[in-house]
Amino acid sequence: MRFLIKIDIPARGKCAAVDAPDFENELTRLYLAVGAQSAYTRINDNGARTDAIVVEISDVRELEPKAKMIFGLLNVRPVFMLETAKKDDFGF
């Protein structure tokens, strides 16, 4: 099953990990560790950042460990959404 994981990135000053100079590298390592096939970033008009990553999960028991990895770094609860579109709709 493919899932979209929505992650609200805390603002600077609200999370030590975000304030770290190597935050973007650490975030990339995290996304690779959870098996992200793609990642997208959106910054709204207020400057709030939301990332979305796509992961393939063969067993629902994989959800909790992946969520814990994200929570462990950012102290935010990720939102898992089951992909409802067919793979062919996106060309991959």
N, C-alpha and C. Protein backbone atom coordinates (compact mmCIF):
# COMPACT_ATOMS: atom_id res chain seq x y z
N MET A 1 0.84 -1.17 0.00
CA MET A 1 0.00 0.00 0.00
C MET A 1 0.89 1.24 0.00
N ARG A 2 0.47 2.21 -0.77
CA ARG A 2 1.21 3.47 -0.79
C ARG A 2 0.48 4.47 0.10
N PHE A 3 1.28 5.17 0.89
CA PHE A 3 0.75 6.17 1.80
C PHE A 3 1.41 7.50 1.54
N LEU A 4 0.65 8.56 1.69
CA LEU A 4 1.18 9.91 1.73
C LEU A 4 1.28 10.26 3.20
N ILE A 5 2.44 10.70 3.63
CA ILE A 5 2.62 11.10 5.02
C ILE A 5 2.78 12.62 5.03
N LYS A 6 1.86 13.29 5.71
CA LYS A 6 1.89 14.75 5.84
C LYS A 6 2.58 15.10 7.15
N ILE A 7 3.57 15.99 7.06
CA ILE A 7 4.36 16.35 8.23
C ILE A 7 4.42 17.87 8.33
N ASP A 8 3.84 18.41 9.39
CA ASP A 8 3.93 19.85 9.64
C ASP A 8 5.25 20.12 10.35
N ILE A 9 6.13 20.83 9.68
CA ILE A 9 7.45 21.12 10.23
C ILE A 9 7.31 22.29 11.22
N PRO A 10 7.80 22.11 12.45
CA PRO A 10 7.70 23.20 13.43
C PRO A 10 8.48 24.44 12.97
N ALA A 11 8.04 25.58 13.43
CA ALA A 11 8.72 26.83 13.12
C ALA A 11 10.06 26.89 13.85
N ARG A 12 10.97 27.67 13.30
CA ARG A 12 12.27 27.86 13.98
C ARG A 12 12.01 28.43 15.38
N GLY A 13 12.78 27.95 16.33
CA GLY A 13 12.61 28.38 17.71
C GLY A 13 11.64 27.52 18.51
N LYS A 14 10.92 26.64 17.83
CA LYS A 14 9.95 25.77 18.51
C LYS A 14 10.45 24.33 18.61
N CYS A 15 11.52 24.01 17.89
CA CYS A 15 12.05 22.64 17.87
C CYS A 15 13.56 22.72 17.67
N ALA A 16 14.29 22.09 18.57
CA ALA A 16 15.76 22.14 18.49
C ALA A 16 16.28 21.56 17.18
N ALA A 17 15.64 20.51 16.68
CA ALA A 17 16.09 19.89 15.43
C ALA A 17 16.00 20.86 14.27
N VAL A 18 14.94 21.65 14.23
CA VAL A 18 14.75 22.61 13.13
C VAL A 18 15.79 23.72 13.21
N ASP A 19 16.21 24.07 14.42
CA ASP A 19 17.19 25.13 14.61
C ASP A 19 18.62 24.67 14.32
N ALA A 20 18.84 23.37 14.23
CA ALA A 20 20.19 22.84 13.99
C ALA A 20 20.67 23.24 12.59
N PRO A 21 21.97 23.53 12.47
CA PRO A 21 22.49 23.96 11.16
C PRO A 21 22.39 22.90 10.07
N ASP A 22 22.36 21.63 10.47
CA ASP A 22 22.27 20.55 9.47
C ASP A 22 20.86 19.96 9.38
N PHE A 23 19.84 20.78 9.69
CA PHE A 23 18.47 20.28 9.74
C PHE A 23 18.04 19.65 8.42
N GLU A 24 18.27 20.33 7.31
CA GLU A 24 17.81 19.80 6.01
C GLU A 24 18.46 18.45 5.71
N ASN A 25 19.74 18.30 6.02
CA ASN A 25 20.42 17.00 5.82
C ASN A 25 19.82 15.94 6.72
N GLU A 26 19.55 16.30 7.97
CA GLU A 26 18.96 15.35 8.92
C GLU A 26 17.56 14.93 8.47
N LEU A 27 16.80 15.88 7.96
CA LEU A 27 15.46 15.58 7.46
C LEU A 27 15.52 14.66 6.25
N THR A 28 16.47 14.88 5.37
CA THR A 28 16.66 14.00 4.21
C THR A 28 17.01 12.59 4.67
N ARG A 29 17.90 12.47 5.65
CA ARG A 29 18.25 11.14 6.19
C ARG A 29 17.02 10.45 6.79
N LEU A 30 16.20 11.23 7.49
CA LEU A 30 14.98 10.67 8.08
C LEU A 30 14.05 10.16 6.99
N TYR A 31 13.83 10.95 5.95
CA TYR A 31 12.93 10.55 4.87
C TYR A 31 13.45 9.30 4.17
N LEU A 32 14.75 9.20 3.99
CA LEU A 32 15.31 7.99 3.39
C LEU A 32 15.15 6.79 4.33
N ALA A 33 15.30 7.02 5.63
CA ALA A 33 15.17 5.94 6.61
C ALA A 33 13.75 5.38 6.67
N VAL A 34 12.75 6.22 6.45
CA VAL A 34 11.37 5.73 6.48
C VAL A 34 10.95 5.19 5.11
N GLY A 35 11.85 5.29 4.12
CA GLY A 35 11.57 4.71 2.81
C GLY A 35 10.80 5.62 1.86
N ALA A 36 11.01 6.93 1.99
CA ALA A 36 10.30 7.87 1.12
C ALA A 36 10.68 7.64 -0.34
N GLN A 37 9.66 7.52 -1.17
CA GLN A 37 9.89 7.39 -2.61
C GLN A 37 9.92 8.76 -3.27
N SER A 38 9.27 9.73 -2.65
CA SER A 38 9.30 11.11 -3.12
C SER A 38 8.96 12.02 -1.95
N ALA A 39 9.35 13.27 -2.06
CA ALA A 39 9.08 14.24 -1.01
C ALA A 39 8.74 15.58 -1.64
N TYR A 40 7.79 16.26 -1.03
CA TYR A 40 7.33 17.55 -1.53
C TYR A 40 7.24 18.51 -0.35
N THR A 41 7.60 19.76 -0.59
CA THR A 41 7.53 20.78 0.44
C THR A 41 6.60 21.90 0.00
N ARG A 42 5.79 22.36 0.93
CA ARG A 42 4.89 23.48 0.66
C ARG A 42 5.03 24.47 1.80
N ILE A 43 5.19 25.73 1.45
CA ILE A 43 5.24 26.80 2.44
C ILE A 43 4.07 27.71 2.17
N ASN A 44 3.20 27.86 3.17
CA ASN A 44 2.00 28.68 2.95
C ASN A 44 2.31 30.17 3.10
N ASP A 45 1.31 31.00 2.94
CA ASP A 45 1.49 32.45 2.98
C ASP A 45 2.01 32.95 4.33
N ASN A 46 1.76 32.21 5.38
CA ASN A 46 2.22 32.59 6.72
C ASN A 46 3.62 32.08 7.01
N GLY A 47 4.22 31.36 6.07
CA GLY A 47 5.56 30.83 6.26
C GLY A 47 5.61 29.46 6.90
N ALA A 48 4.44 28.87 7.20
CA ALA A 48 4.41 27.54 7.79
C ALA A 48 4.76 26.50 6.73
N ARG A 49 5.60 25.56 7.09
CA ARG A 49 6.08 24.53 6.15
C ARG A 49 5.40 23.20 6.42
N THR A 50 4.92 22.59 5.36
CA THR A 50 4.36 21.24 5.43
C THR A 50 5.06 20.40 4.37
N ASP A 51 5.59 19.26 4.80
CA ASP A 51 6.20 18.31 3.87
C ASP A 51 5.25 17.15 3.68
N ALA A 52 5.31 16.56 2.50
CA ALA A 52 4.54 15.35 2.21
C ALA A 52 5.49 14.37 1.56
N ILE A 53 5.50 13.15 2.07
CA ILE A 53 6.34 12.11 1.48
C ILE A 53 5.45 10.92 1.11
N VAL A 54 5.87 10.19 0.11
CA VAL A 54 5.16 8.99 -0.33
C VAL A 54 6.00 7.79 0.05
N VAL A 55 5.37 6.82 0.73
CA VAL A 55 6.06 5.60 1.13
C VAL A 55 5.23 4.39 0.72
N GLU A 56 5.91 3.31 0.47
CA GLU A 56 5.27 2.02 0.19
C GLU A 56 5.34 1.22 1.48
N ILE A 57 4.18 0.78 1.97
CA ILE A 57 4.13 0.01 3.22
C ILE A 57 3.39 -1.29 2.94
N SER A 58 4.09 -2.40 3.13
CA SER A 58 3.49 -3.69 2.83
C SER A 58 2.70 -4.26 4.00
N ASP A 59 2.99 -3.81 5.20
CA ASP A 59 2.33 -4.31 6.41
C ASP A 59 1.99 -3.12 7.30
N VAL A 60 0.75 -3.00 7.73
CA VAL A 60 0.35 -1.85 8.54
C VAL A 60 1.14 -1.73 9.84
N ARG A 61 1.76 -2.79 10.26
CA ARG A 61 2.59 -2.72 11.48
C ARG A 61 3.82 -1.84 11.26
N GLU A 62 4.13 -1.49 10.02
CA GLU A 62 5.25 -0.60 9.72
C GLU A 62 4.91 0.86 10.01
N LEU A 63 3.62 1.18 10.12
CA LEU A 63 3.21 2.57 10.33
C LEU A 63 3.75 3.15 11.64
N GLU A 64 3.60 2.42 12.72
CA GLU A 64 4.01 2.95 14.02
C GLU A 64 5.51 3.24 14.10
N PRO A 65 6.38 2.31 13.67
CA PRO A 65 7.81 2.63 13.73
C PRO A 65 8.19 3.85 12.88
N LYS A 66 7.56 4.00 11.72
CA LYS A 66 7.85 5.15 10.87
C LYS A 66 7.37 6.44 11.55
N ALA A 67 6.19 6.39 12.15
CA ALA A 67 5.67 7.56 12.86
C ALA A 67 6.57 7.94 14.03
N LYS A 68 7.07 6.94 14.74
CA LYS A 68 7.95 7.20 15.88
C LYS A 68 9.25 7.86 15.45
N MET A 69 9.77 7.47 14.29
CA MET A 69 11.00 8.08 13.78
C MET A 69 10.78 9.57 13.50
N ILE A 70 9.65 9.89 12.88
CA ILE A 70 9.34 11.28 12.57
C ILE A 70 9.10 12.07 13.85
N PHE A 71 8.31 11.50 14.77
CA PHE A 71 8.01 12.16 16.03
C PHE A 71 9.29 12.37 16.84
N GLY A 72 10.18 11.38 16.79
CA GLY A 72 11.43 11.46 17.54
C GLY A 72 12.29 12.65 17.14
N LEU A 73 12.30 12.99 15.86
CA LEU A 73 13.10 14.11 15.41
C LEU A 73 12.38 15.44 15.58
N LEU A 74 11.12 15.48 15.18
CA LEU A 74 10.41 16.76 15.09
C LEU A 74 9.40 17.02 16.20
N ASN A 75 9.06 16.00 16.96
CA ASN A 75 8.06 16.12 18.02
C ASN A 75 6.70 16.58 17.46
N VAL A 76 6.36 16.08 16.27
CA VAL A 76 5.06 16.34 15.67
C VAL A 76 4.44 15.01 15.26
N ARG A 77 3.14 14.98 15.22
CA ARG A 77 2.43 13.76 14.84
C ARG A 77 2.23 13.77 13.31
N PRO A 78 2.82 12.78 12.61
CA PRO A 78 2.60 12.71 11.17
C PRO A 78 1.20 12.19 10.86
N VAL A 79 0.67 12.57 9.72
CA VAL A 79 -0.64 12.12 9.29
C VAL A 79 -0.44 11.19 8.10
N PHE A 80 -0.93 9.95 8.24
CA PHE A 80 -0.82 8.96 7.17
C PHE A 80 -2.13 8.93 6.39
N MET A 81 -2.01 9.06 5.07
CA MET A 81 -3.19 9.00 4.22
C MET A 81 -2.96 7.94 3.15
N LEU A 82 -3.89 7.04 3.02
CA LEU A 82 -3.79 5.98 2.02
C LEU A 82 -3.94 6.59 0.64
N GLU A 83 -3.03 6.25 -0.25
CA GLU A 83 -3.11 6.76 -1.62
C GLU A 83 -4.30 6.10 -2.30
N THR A 84 -5.16 6.90 -2.88
CA THR A 84 -6.36 6.35 -3.51
C THR A 84 -6.28 6.38 -5.03
N ALA A 85 -5.32 7.12 -5.57
CA ALA A 85 -5.15 7.16 -7.02
C ALA A 85 -4.31 5.97 -7.46
N LYS A 86 -4.54 5.51 -8.68
CA LYS A 86 -3.73 4.43 -9.23
C LYS A 86 -2.35 4.97 -9.57
N LYS A 87 -1.33 4.11 -9.53
CA LYS A 87 0.03 4.53 -9.86
C LYS A 87 0.10 5.16 -11.24
N ASP A 88 -0.66 4.62 -12.20
CA ASP A 88 -0.61 5.12 -13.56
C ASP A 88 -1.09 6.56 -13.67
N ASP A 89 -1.89 7.02 -12.72
CA ASP A 89 -2.39 8.39 -12.76
C ASP A 89 -1.26 9.41 -12.60
N PHE A 90 -0.16 9.01 -11.96
CA PHE A 90 0.95 9.90 -11.73
C PHE A 90 2.14 9.60 -12.61
N GLY A 91 2.05 8.56 -13.40
CA GLY A 91 3.14 8.23 -14.31
C GLY A 91 4.27 7.45 -13.67
N PHE A 92 4.06 6.91 -12.47
CA PHE A 92 5.10 6.06 -11.85
C PHE A 92 4.47 4.94 -11.10
